[in-house]
N, C-alpha and C. Protein backbone atom coordinates (compact mmCIF):
# COMPACT_ATOMS: atom_id res chain seq x y z
N MET A 1 -8.14 6.97 -26.19
CA MET A 1 -7.08 5.97 -26.24
C MET A 1 -6.07 6.18 -25.10
N ILE A 2 -5.59 7.42 -24.92
CA ILE A 2 -4.64 7.70 -23.85
C ILE A 2 -5.31 7.45 -22.49
N PHE A 3 -6.57 7.88 -22.39
CA PHE A 3 -7.31 7.67 -21.14
C PHE A 3 -7.41 6.18 -20.82
N ASP A 4 -7.75 5.37 -21.80
CA ASP A 4 -7.89 3.92 -21.58
C ASP A 4 -6.58 3.28 -21.14
N ILE A 5 -5.50 3.69 -21.76
CA ILE A 5 -4.18 3.16 -21.39
C ILE A 5 -3.83 3.57 -19.96
N LEU A 6 -4.04 4.85 -19.65
CA LEU A 6 -3.74 5.35 -18.31
C LEU A 6 -4.62 4.67 -17.27
N TYR A 7 -5.90 4.50 -17.59
CA TYR A 7 -6.82 3.85 -16.66
C TYR A 7 -6.38 2.41 -16.38
N THR A 8 -5.99 1.71 -17.42
CA THR A 8 -5.51 0.33 -17.26
C THR A 8 -4.26 0.30 -16.39
N LEU A 9 -3.34 1.23 -16.62
CA LEU A 9 -2.12 1.31 -15.83
C LEU A 9 -2.44 1.57 -14.36
N VAL A 10 -3.32 2.53 -14.10
CA VAL A 10 -3.70 2.86 -12.72
C VAL A 10 -4.37 1.67 -12.05
N MET A 11 -5.28 1.02 -12.75
CA MET A 11 -5.95 -0.17 -12.17
C MET A 11 -4.93 -1.25 -11.82
N LEU A 12 -3.98 -1.45 -12.70
CA LEU A 12 -2.95 -2.46 -12.45
C LEU A 12 -2.12 -2.07 -11.22
N GLN A 13 -1.68 -0.82 -11.16
CA GLN A 13 -0.86 -0.37 -10.04
C GLN A 13 -1.62 -0.46 -8.71
N VAL A 14 -2.83 0.06 -8.69
CA VAL A 14 -3.62 0.06 -7.45
C VAL A 14 -4.00 -1.38 -7.07
N GLY A 15 -4.36 -2.18 -8.05
CA GLY A 15 -4.72 -3.57 -7.78
C GLY A 15 -3.55 -4.38 -7.23
N LEU A 16 -2.39 -4.20 -7.82
CA LEU A 16 -1.20 -4.91 -7.32
C LEU A 16 -0.85 -4.46 -5.90
N THR A 17 -0.93 -3.17 -5.65
CA THR A 17 -0.63 -2.65 -4.31
C THR A 17 -1.64 -3.17 -3.30
N ALA A 18 -2.93 -3.08 -3.63
CA ALA A 18 -3.97 -3.58 -2.72
C ALA A 18 -3.75 -5.07 -2.45
N GLY A 19 -3.41 -5.81 -3.48
CA GLY A 19 -3.16 -7.24 -3.33
C GLY A 19 -1.96 -7.53 -2.44
N LEU A 20 -0.90 -6.77 -2.62
CA LEU A 20 0.29 -6.94 -1.78
C LEU A 20 -0.04 -6.68 -0.32
N LEU A 21 -0.73 -5.59 -0.06
CA LEU A 21 -1.10 -5.25 1.32
C LEU A 21 -2.03 -6.31 1.91
N PHE A 22 -2.97 -6.79 1.10
CA PHE A 22 -3.91 -7.83 1.53
C PHE A 22 -3.17 -9.12 1.89
N ILE A 23 -2.24 -9.52 1.04
CA ILE A 23 -1.47 -10.75 1.31
C ILE A 23 -0.66 -10.61 2.59
N PHE A 24 -0.10 -9.42 2.83
CA PHE A 24 0.60 -9.21 4.10
C PHE A 24 -0.36 -9.40 5.27
N SER A 25 -1.57 -8.84 5.15
CA SER A 25 -2.54 -8.92 6.25
C SER A 25 -3.02 -10.34 6.52
N ILE A 26 -3.26 -11.12 5.47
CA ILE A 26 -3.87 -12.44 5.69
C ILE A 26 -2.89 -13.61 5.71
N ALA A 27 -1.67 -13.41 5.23
CA ALA A 27 -0.74 -14.55 5.16
C ALA A 27 0.64 -14.24 5.74
N VAL A 28 1.27 -13.18 5.26
CA VAL A 28 2.65 -12.90 5.69
C VAL A 28 2.70 -12.57 7.17
N ASN A 29 1.90 -11.61 7.61
CA ASN A 29 1.93 -11.21 9.02
C ASN A 29 1.52 -12.34 9.97
N PRO A 30 0.45 -13.09 9.68
CA PRO A 30 0.14 -14.23 10.56
C PRO A 30 1.25 -15.29 10.56
N GLY A 31 1.89 -15.48 9.43
CA GLY A 31 3.01 -16.42 9.38
C GLY A 31 4.19 -15.94 10.19
N LEU A 32 4.51 -14.66 10.06
CA LEU A 32 5.62 -14.09 10.83
C LEU A 32 5.32 -14.09 12.33
N ALA A 33 4.05 -14.00 12.69
CA ALA A 33 3.67 -13.98 14.11
C ALA A 33 4.02 -15.29 14.81
N ARG A 34 4.25 -16.33 14.05
CA ARG A 34 4.62 -17.63 14.64
C ARG A 34 6.11 -17.72 14.99
N LEU A 35 6.85 -16.71 14.58
CA LEU A 35 8.29 -16.69 14.87
C LEU A 35 8.53 -16.10 16.25
N ASN A 36 9.69 -16.43 16.83
CA ASN A 36 10.05 -15.75 18.07
C ASN A 36 10.53 -14.33 17.72
N GLU A 37 10.77 -13.52 18.74
CA GLU A 37 11.10 -12.11 18.48
C GLU A 37 12.35 -11.93 17.62
N GLU A 38 13.38 -12.71 17.90
CA GLU A 38 14.61 -12.56 17.11
C GLU A 38 14.38 -12.95 15.66
N GLU A 39 13.69 -14.05 15.42
CA GLU A 39 13.40 -14.48 14.05
C GLU A 39 12.52 -13.46 13.33
N TYR A 40 11.52 -12.95 14.04
CA TYR A 40 10.63 -11.94 13.47
C TYR A 40 11.40 -10.69 13.08
N TYR A 41 12.23 -10.23 14.00
CA TYR A 41 13.06 -9.05 13.76
C TYR A 41 13.91 -9.23 12.50
N ARG A 42 14.57 -10.35 12.38
CA ARG A 42 15.43 -10.61 11.22
C ARG A 42 14.61 -10.71 9.93
N ALA A 43 13.48 -11.42 9.99
CA ALA A 43 12.65 -11.59 8.80
C ALA A 43 12.11 -10.25 8.30
N MET A 44 11.59 -9.43 9.21
CA MET A 44 11.05 -8.13 8.79
C MET A 44 12.15 -7.22 8.26
N LYS A 45 13.31 -7.30 8.86
CA LYS A 45 14.43 -6.49 8.37
C LYS A 45 14.76 -6.88 6.93
N PHE A 46 14.80 -8.18 6.65
CA PHE A 46 15.09 -8.64 5.29
C PHE A 46 13.98 -8.25 4.32
N ILE A 47 12.73 -8.42 4.74
CA ILE A 47 11.60 -8.04 3.88
C ILE A 47 11.68 -6.56 3.54
N ASN A 48 11.93 -5.73 4.55
CA ASN A 48 12.00 -4.28 4.34
C ASN A 48 13.14 -3.89 3.40
N GLN A 49 14.21 -4.64 3.41
CA GLN A 49 15.33 -4.36 2.50
C GLN A 49 15.02 -4.81 1.08
N VAL A 50 14.45 -5.98 0.94
CA VAL A 50 14.20 -6.58 -0.37
C VAL A 50 13.09 -5.86 -1.13
N ILE A 51 12.07 -5.40 -0.42
CA ILE A 51 10.91 -4.82 -1.10
C ILE A 51 11.26 -3.49 -1.79
N LEU A 52 12.27 -2.82 -1.32
CA LEU A 52 12.63 -1.51 -1.89
C LEU A 52 13.36 -1.70 -3.22
N SER A 53 12.57 -1.97 -4.25
CA SER A 53 13.11 -2.21 -5.59
C SER A 53 12.46 -1.25 -6.57
N PRO A 54 13.06 -1.06 -7.74
CA PRO A 54 12.44 -0.18 -8.75
C PRO A 54 11.03 -0.62 -9.13
N ILE A 55 10.80 -1.91 -9.25
CA ILE A 55 9.46 -2.39 -9.62
C ILE A 55 8.45 -2.01 -8.54
N PHE A 56 8.82 -2.20 -7.28
CA PHE A 56 7.92 -1.83 -6.19
C PHE A 56 7.59 -0.34 -6.25
N PHE A 57 8.60 0.49 -6.45
CA PHE A 57 8.34 1.94 -6.48
C PHE A 57 7.47 2.34 -7.65
N ILE A 58 7.65 1.74 -8.80
CA ILE A 58 6.82 2.05 -9.97
C ILE A 58 5.36 1.69 -9.68
N VAL A 59 5.15 0.53 -9.09
CA VAL A 59 3.78 0.08 -8.81
C VAL A 59 3.17 0.87 -7.65
N PHE A 60 3.91 1.04 -6.57
CA PHE A 60 3.37 1.64 -5.35
C PHE A 60 3.26 3.16 -5.45
N ILE A 61 4.28 3.81 -5.96
CA ILE A 61 4.31 5.28 -6.03
C ILE A 61 3.72 5.80 -7.33
N GLY A 62 3.69 4.99 -8.37
CA GLY A 62 3.17 5.42 -9.67
C GLY A 62 1.82 6.10 -9.60
N PRO A 63 0.84 5.55 -8.84
CA PRO A 63 -0.48 6.20 -8.78
C PRO A 63 -0.46 7.62 -8.20
N VAL A 64 0.57 7.96 -7.44
CA VAL A 64 0.67 9.33 -6.93
C VAL A 64 0.69 10.32 -8.09
N PHE A 65 1.29 9.91 -9.20
CA PHE A 65 1.39 10.77 -10.37
C PHE A 65 0.28 10.52 -11.38
N THR A 66 -0.12 9.25 -11.53
CA THR A 66 -1.09 8.93 -12.57
C THR A 66 -2.54 9.18 -12.15
N MET A 67 -2.85 9.00 -10.88
CA MET A 67 -4.25 9.15 -10.44
C MET A 67 -4.77 10.58 -10.54
N PRO A 68 -4.01 11.59 -10.13
CA PRO A 68 -4.51 12.96 -10.30
C PRO A 68 -4.75 13.30 -11.78
N PHE A 69 -3.86 12.86 -12.64
CA PHE A 69 -4.03 13.11 -14.07
C PHE A 69 -5.26 12.38 -14.60
N LEU A 70 -5.45 11.15 -14.17
CA LEU A 70 -6.62 10.36 -14.57
C LEU A 70 -7.91 11.03 -14.09
N THR A 71 -7.89 11.52 -12.86
CA THR A 71 -9.05 12.22 -12.31
C THR A 71 -9.38 13.45 -13.15
N TYR A 72 -8.35 14.21 -13.47
CA TYR A 72 -8.55 15.40 -14.31
C TYR A 72 -9.12 15.01 -15.68
N MET A 73 -8.61 13.95 -16.26
CA MET A 73 -9.08 13.52 -17.59
C MET A 73 -10.54 13.04 -17.56
N SER A 74 -11.03 12.65 -16.40
CA SER A 74 -12.41 12.14 -16.31
C SER A 74 -13.41 13.22 -15.92
N ARG A 75 -12.98 14.45 -15.86
CA ARG A 75 -13.81 15.54 -15.35
C ARG A 75 -15.10 15.79 -16.13
N ASN A 76 -15.18 15.39 -17.39
CA ASN A 76 -16.37 15.63 -18.20
C ASN A 76 -17.46 14.58 -18.03
N ASP A 77 -17.18 13.54 -17.29
CA ASP A 77 -18.17 12.48 -17.02
C ASP A 77 -18.35 12.44 -15.51
N SER A 78 -19.49 12.95 -15.03
CA SER A 78 -19.67 13.13 -13.58
C SER A 78 -19.53 11.84 -12.79
N ASN A 79 -20.12 10.74 -13.27
CA ASN A 79 -19.99 9.46 -12.55
C ASN A 79 -18.54 9.00 -12.51
N MET A 80 -17.90 9.02 -13.65
CA MET A 80 -16.50 8.61 -13.74
C MET A 80 -15.63 9.50 -12.85
N PHE A 81 -15.89 10.78 -12.89
CA PHE A 81 -15.09 11.74 -12.11
C PHE A 81 -15.20 11.46 -10.61
N ILE A 82 -16.42 11.28 -10.12
CA ILE A 82 -16.63 11.06 -8.69
C ILE A 82 -15.91 9.81 -8.21
N PHE A 83 -16.09 8.71 -8.91
CA PHE A 83 -15.46 7.46 -8.48
C PHE A 83 -13.94 7.51 -8.63
N THR A 84 -13.46 8.17 -9.67
CA THR A 84 -12.01 8.31 -9.85
C THR A 84 -11.43 9.22 -8.77
N LEU A 85 -12.14 10.29 -8.47
CA LEU A 85 -11.70 11.20 -7.41
C LEU A 85 -11.65 10.48 -6.06
N PHE A 86 -12.71 9.76 -5.72
CA PHE A 86 -12.73 9.01 -4.46
C PHE A 86 -11.60 7.98 -4.41
N SER A 87 -11.41 7.28 -5.50
CA SER A 87 -10.33 6.30 -5.57
C SER A 87 -8.97 6.95 -5.34
N SER A 88 -8.77 8.09 -5.97
CA SER A 88 -7.50 8.82 -5.82
C SER A 88 -7.28 9.27 -4.39
N ILE A 89 -8.30 9.85 -3.80
CA ILE A 89 -8.19 10.34 -2.41
C ILE A 89 -7.91 9.18 -1.46
N LEU A 90 -8.63 8.09 -1.63
CA LEU A 90 -8.42 6.92 -0.76
C LEU A 90 -7.01 6.37 -0.89
N TYR A 91 -6.51 6.30 -2.12
CA TYR A 91 -5.17 5.76 -2.33
C TYR A 91 -4.11 6.70 -1.76
N LEU A 92 -4.24 7.98 -2.08
CA LEU A 92 -3.22 8.94 -1.66
C LEU A 92 -3.19 9.12 -0.14
N LEU A 93 -4.36 9.20 0.48
CA LEU A 93 -4.40 9.40 1.93
C LEU A 93 -4.30 8.09 2.70
N GLY A 94 -5.04 7.09 2.27
CA GLY A 94 -5.13 5.85 3.03
C GLY A 94 -4.01 4.87 2.81
N VAL A 95 -3.36 4.95 1.66
CA VAL A 95 -2.24 4.04 1.37
C VAL A 95 -0.91 4.80 1.47
N ILE A 96 -0.74 5.82 0.67
CA ILE A 96 0.55 6.53 0.60
C ILE A 96 0.84 7.29 1.89
N LEU A 97 -0.12 8.09 2.37
CA LEU A 97 0.13 8.89 3.57
C LEU A 97 0.31 8.02 4.81
N VAL A 98 -0.51 7.00 4.96
CA VAL A 98 -0.36 6.09 6.10
C VAL A 98 1.00 5.39 6.04
N THR A 99 1.39 4.95 4.86
CA THR A 99 2.70 4.31 4.71
C THR A 99 3.81 5.27 5.11
N THR A 100 3.73 6.49 4.61
CA THR A 100 4.78 7.49 4.84
C THR A 100 4.87 7.91 6.31
N LEU A 101 3.72 8.10 6.94
CA LEU A 101 3.71 8.62 8.31
C LEU A 101 3.74 7.54 9.39
N ARG A 102 3.35 6.32 9.05
CA ARG A 102 3.25 5.27 10.07
C ARG A 102 4.18 4.09 9.83
N ASN A 103 4.05 3.42 8.69
CA ASN A 103 4.82 2.19 8.47
C ASN A 103 6.30 2.45 8.21
N VAL A 104 6.61 3.44 7.39
CA VAL A 104 8.02 3.71 7.07
C VAL A 104 8.82 4.12 8.31
N PRO A 105 8.31 5.01 9.18
CA PRO A 105 9.09 5.31 10.39
C PRO A 105 9.36 4.08 11.25
N LEU A 106 8.39 3.19 11.34
CA LEU A 106 8.62 1.95 12.09
C LEU A 106 9.69 1.10 11.41
N ASN A 107 9.63 1.01 10.08
CA ASN A 107 10.65 0.26 9.34
C ASN A 107 12.03 0.86 9.54
N ASN A 108 12.12 2.18 9.52
CA ASN A 108 13.41 2.85 9.72
C ASN A 108 13.96 2.59 11.12
N LYS A 109 13.08 2.62 12.11
CA LYS A 109 13.51 2.34 13.48
C LYS A 109 14.01 0.90 13.59
N LEU A 110 13.31 -0.03 12.96
CA LEU A 110 13.72 -1.43 12.97
C LEU A 110 15.07 -1.61 12.29
N GLU A 111 15.26 -0.93 11.18
CA GLU A 111 16.51 -1.04 10.41
C GLU A 111 17.72 -0.57 11.22
N LYS A 112 17.53 0.42 12.07
CA LYS A 112 18.64 0.98 12.85
C LYS A 112 19.01 0.14 14.07
N LEU A 113 18.14 -0.80 14.43
CA LEU A 113 18.41 -1.63 15.60
C LEU A 113 19.62 -2.52 15.38
N LYS A 114 20.37 -2.70 16.41
CA LYS A 114 21.44 -3.69 16.41
C LYS A 114 20.80 -5.05 16.64
N SER A 115 21.43 -6.09 16.15
CA SER A 115 20.82 -7.42 16.23
C SER A 115 20.54 -7.88 17.66
N LYS A 116 21.27 -7.37 18.62
CA LYS A 116 21.05 -7.78 20.01
C LYS A 116 19.94 -6.97 20.70
N ASP A 117 19.45 -5.92 20.04
CA ASP A 117 18.46 -5.03 20.65
C ASP A 117 17.03 -5.30 20.18
N PHE A 118 16.75 -6.52 19.78
CA PHE A 118 15.44 -6.84 19.21
C PHE A 118 14.36 -7.05 20.28
N LYS A 119 14.73 -7.00 21.55
CA LYS A 119 13.75 -7.23 22.62
C LYS A 119 12.58 -6.26 22.48
N ASP A 120 11.40 -6.76 22.77
CA ASP A 120 10.15 -5.99 22.73
C ASP A 120 9.77 -5.53 21.33
N VAL A 121 10.35 -6.13 20.29
CA VAL A 121 10.02 -5.76 18.92
C VAL A 121 8.55 -6.06 18.61
N PHE A 122 8.00 -7.07 19.27
CA PHE A 122 6.57 -7.38 19.07
C PHE A 122 5.71 -6.21 19.56
N LEU A 123 6.10 -5.64 20.67
CA LEU A 123 5.31 -4.57 21.29
C LEU A 123 5.39 -3.26 20.49
N TRP A 124 6.59 -2.78 20.24
CA TRP A 124 6.72 -1.46 19.63
C TRP A 124 6.69 -1.48 18.10
N TYR A 125 6.88 -2.63 17.48
CA TYR A 125 6.90 -2.69 16.01
C TYR A 125 5.75 -3.50 15.44
N LYS A 126 5.67 -4.77 15.80
CA LYS A 126 4.72 -5.68 15.15
C LYS A 126 3.27 -5.21 15.29
N LYS A 127 2.87 -4.92 16.50
CA LYS A 127 1.47 -4.56 16.74
C LYS A 127 1.07 -3.30 15.97
N PRO A 128 1.79 -2.18 16.11
CA PRO A 128 1.39 -0.99 15.34
C PRO A 128 1.58 -1.15 13.84
N TRP A 129 2.65 -1.84 13.42
CA TRP A 129 2.87 -2.02 11.98
C TRP A 129 1.72 -2.80 11.36
N ASN A 130 1.29 -3.87 12.00
CA ASN A 130 0.17 -4.67 11.49
C ASN A 130 -1.13 -3.87 11.48
N PHE A 131 -1.36 -3.08 12.53
CA PHE A 131 -2.55 -2.24 12.58
C PHE A 131 -2.59 -1.29 11.38
N TRP A 132 -1.49 -0.58 11.15
CA TRP A 132 -1.46 0.38 10.05
C TRP A 132 -1.48 -0.32 8.70
N ASN A 133 -0.92 -1.51 8.62
CA ASN A 133 -1.01 -2.25 7.36
C ASN A 133 -2.46 -2.63 7.07
N ASN A 134 -3.21 -3.00 8.09
CA ASN A 134 -4.63 -3.31 7.88
C ASN A 134 -5.41 -2.08 7.42
N ILE A 135 -5.06 -0.92 7.94
CA ILE A 135 -5.69 0.33 7.49
C ILE A 135 -5.36 0.55 6.01
N ARG A 136 -4.08 0.40 5.65
CA ARG A 136 -3.67 0.57 4.24
C ARG A 136 -4.39 -0.43 3.35
N THR A 137 -4.53 -1.64 3.83
CA THR A 137 -5.20 -2.68 3.05
C THR A 137 -6.64 -2.29 2.76
N PHE A 138 -7.35 -1.84 3.77
CA PHE A 138 -8.74 -1.42 3.59
C PHE A 138 -8.83 -0.31 2.54
N PHE A 139 -8.00 0.71 2.67
CA PHE A 139 -8.06 1.83 1.73
C PHE A 139 -7.60 1.43 0.33
N GLY A 140 -6.61 0.56 0.24
CA GLY A 140 -6.16 0.09 -1.07
C GLY A 140 -7.23 -0.69 -1.79
N ILE A 141 -7.88 -1.60 -1.08
CA ILE A 141 -8.95 -2.40 -1.68
C ILE A 141 -10.13 -1.50 -2.06
N THR A 142 -10.48 -0.56 -1.19
CA THR A 142 -11.59 0.35 -1.49
C THR A 142 -11.27 1.23 -2.69
N SER A 143 -10.05 1.70 -2.78
CA SER A 143 -9.63 2.49 -3.94
C SER A 143 -9.76 1.67 -5.21
N PHE A 144 -9.31 0.43 -5.17
CA PHE A 144 -9.43 -0.46 -6.33
C PHE A 144 -10.90 -0.73 -6.66
N LEU A 145 -11.72 -0.88 -5.64
CA LEU A 145 -13.15 -1.11 -5.85
C LEU A 145 -13.79 0.06 -6.60
N PHE A 146 -13.46 1.29 -6.22
CA PHE A 146 -14.00 2.45 -6.93
C PHE A 146 -13.55 2.48 -8.39
N LEU A 147 -12.32 2.10 -8.65
CA LEU A 147 -11.86 2.03 -10.05
C LEU A 147 -12.62 0.96 -10.81
N THR A 148 -12.89 -0.15 -10.15
CA THR A 148 -13.63 -1.25 -10.78
C THR A 148 -15.08 -0.84 -11.06
N ILE A 149 -15.71 -0.17 -10.11
CA ILE A 149 -17.08 0.32 -10.31
C ILE A 149 -17.14 1.22 -11.54
N ASN A 150 -16.11 2.00 -11.74
CA ASN A 150 -16.04 2.90 -12.89
C ASN A 150 -16.18 2.16 -14.22
N LEU A 151 -15.74 0.93 -14.27
CA LEU A 151 -15.81 0.18 -15.52
C LEU A 151 -17.25 0.04 -16.01
N VAL A 152 -18.20 0.07 -15.10
CA VAL A 152 -19.61 0.01 -15.46
C VAL A 152 -20.00 1.26 -16.26
N PHE A 153 -19.35 2.37 -15.95
CA PHE A 153 -19.71 3.65 -16.57
C PHE A 153 -18.88 3.98 -17.81
N LEU A 154 -17.89 3.17 -18.14
CA LEU A 154 -17.04 3.46 -19.31
C LEU A 154 -17.81 3.35 -20.61
């Protein structure tokens, strides 16, 4: 019972995160790319401020705590364990670590800019931020896929 509840929670968290990253890759970023540099700079600054909410942190950071516990709980079922372990590793390294080491530093640099210093924001921010977001998207979706495959073995 506890395992099923935790598994459902993890699937929801990872699925929502993968979906958010996917939507950024296929809709938000291409839409923002149509803006000029000043508009892009302002829009990303606002997005970065608004997204930092308690709900976002529960969904995005929650798996950091729930996935290792879920992996441990699945240790007696080899198929479940392998897919849960892979899902956890992909999420922790491919989503959380990439976000922490790549996207967040870019966001922090953007936040510190004065409004008149937005020149070249496409070069030093947009291009690398989108690249790393696509990496996070791939790992988030793959992590969710491994959790979904596990449902066959439940």
